[in-house]
Amino acid sequence: MTIKSDKNYEISKIDGVITFKNKNTTIGFIRFNTKGEVEYIFVNPAFRKKGIAKKLLKLTKEKLGKNLTPQEPISPLGKKLFNIV
């Protein structure tokens, strides 16, 4: 399913993956499972520091209706995103 966004990108939702894309590139995506585990999250470096990862997490949490947890291994940026010290 592709939904047009008012933020100059499209949101694509398929089983286990939510993707933000514009006409030129993938802005970011999240891969998750039904247990609420985030398997992978990526934001294109050109679009970082704009809240994209948080938006992906929010949409995923809304879709699953449960809190999310990251799978191991967790990168330094992933630890920061999930507030893990």
Protein backbone atom coordinates (compact mmCIF):
# COMPACT_ATOMS: atom_id res chain seq x y z
CA MET A 1 0.00 0.00 0.00
CA THR A 2 1.36 3.42 -0.96
CA ILE A 3 0.05 6.53 0.76
CA LYS A 4 0.82 10.03 -0.50
CA SER A 5 2.30 12.16 2.24
CA ASP A 6 2.14 15.92 2.57
CA LYS A 7 5.88 15.99 3.37
CA ASN A 8 7.06 15.53 -0.23
CA TYR A 9 7.52 11.80 0.12
CA GLU A 10 5.45 8.65 -0.20
CA ILE A 11 4.91 6.14 2.55
CA SER A 12 4.82 2.51 1.49
CA LYS A 13 3.54 -0.13 3.91
CA ILE A 14 3.92 -3.83 3.21
CA ASP A 15 4.16 -6.78 5.62
CA GLY A 16 7.01 -6.04 7.99
CA VAL A 17 8.39 -2.97 6.18
CA ILE A 18 7.51 0.72 6.09
CA THR A 19 9.40 2.88 3.58
CA PHE A 20 9.57 6.63 2.98
CA LYS A 21 10.55 7.55 -0.61
CA ASN A 22 10.59 10.62 -2.76
CA LYS A 23 10.80 10.62 -6.56
CA ASN A 24 14.61 10.35 -6.44
CA THR A 25 15.58 8.09 -3.56
CA THR A 26 14.65 6.08 -0.51
CA ILE A 27 14.59 8.42 2.47
CA GLY A 28 14.36 5.71 5.09
CA PHE A 29 12.80 2.40 6.03
CA ILE A 30 12.11 0.14 8.98
CA ARG A 31 11.87 -3.66 9.01
CA PHE A 32 10.05 -5.26 11.93
CA ASN A 33 8.32 -8.45 13.01
CA THR A 34 4.94 -9.13 14.61
CA LYS A 35 6.53 -9.44 18.08
CA GLY A 36 7.39 -5.74 17.95
CA GLU A 37 11.10 -6.26 17.34
CA VAL A 38 12.80 -3.75 15.07
CA GLU A 39 15.06 -5.84 12.86
CA TYR A 40 16.55 -2.93 10.92
CA ILE A 41 16.04 0.81 10.59
CA PHE A 42 17.81 3.01 8.06
CA VAL A 43 17.69 6.70 7.22
CA ASN A 44 19.54 8.04 4.20
CA PRO A 45 22.41 10.23 5.51
CA ALA A 46 21.12 13.22 3.48
CA PHE A 47 17.87 13.09 5.49
CA ARG A 48 19.20 12.42 8.99
CA LYS A 49 18.52 14.73 11.96
CA LYS A 50 15.00 15.47 10.66
CA GLY A 51 12.98 13.04 12.79
CA ILE A 52 12.55 10.41 10.07
CA ALA A 53 13.58 7.48 12.29
CA LYS A 54 11.18 8.61 15.02
CA LYS A 55 8.36 8.87 12.46
CA LEU A 56 9.12 5.34 11.23
CA LEU A 57 9.06 4.04 14.81
CA LYS A 58 5.78 5.86 15.52
CA LEU A 59 4.07 4.41 12.43
CA THR A 60 5.33 0.93 13.28
CA LYS A 61 4.13 1.18 16.88
CA GLU A 62 0.71 2.36 15.66
CA LYS A 63 0.52 -0.48 13.12
CA LEU A 64 1.43 -3.19 15.65
CA GLY A 65 -0.27 -1.66 18.67
CA LYS A 66 2.63 -2.54 20.96
CA ASN A 67 5.91 -1.16 22.24
CA LEU A 68 8.95 -1.79 20.07
CA THR A 69 12.30 -3.30 21.01
CA PRO A 70 15.48 -3.37 18.94
CA GLN A 71 17.09 -6.65 17.90
CA GLU A 72 20.79 -7.25 18.56
CA PRO A 73 23.27 -6.01 17.47
CA ILE A 74 22.39 -2.38 18.08
CA SER A 75 24.45 0.36 16.45
CA PRO A 76 25.48 3.48 18.38
CA LEU A 77 22.81 5.47 16.51
CA GLY A 78 20.25 2.76 17.30
CA LYS A 79 21.12 2.91 20.99
CA LYS A 80 20.61 6.67 20.91
CA LEU A 81 17.27 6.28 19.11
CA PHE A 82 16.01 3.74 21.67
CA ASN A 83 17.57 5.64 24.61
CA ILE A 84 19.84 2.73 25.54
CA VAL A 85 22.96 3.69 27.50
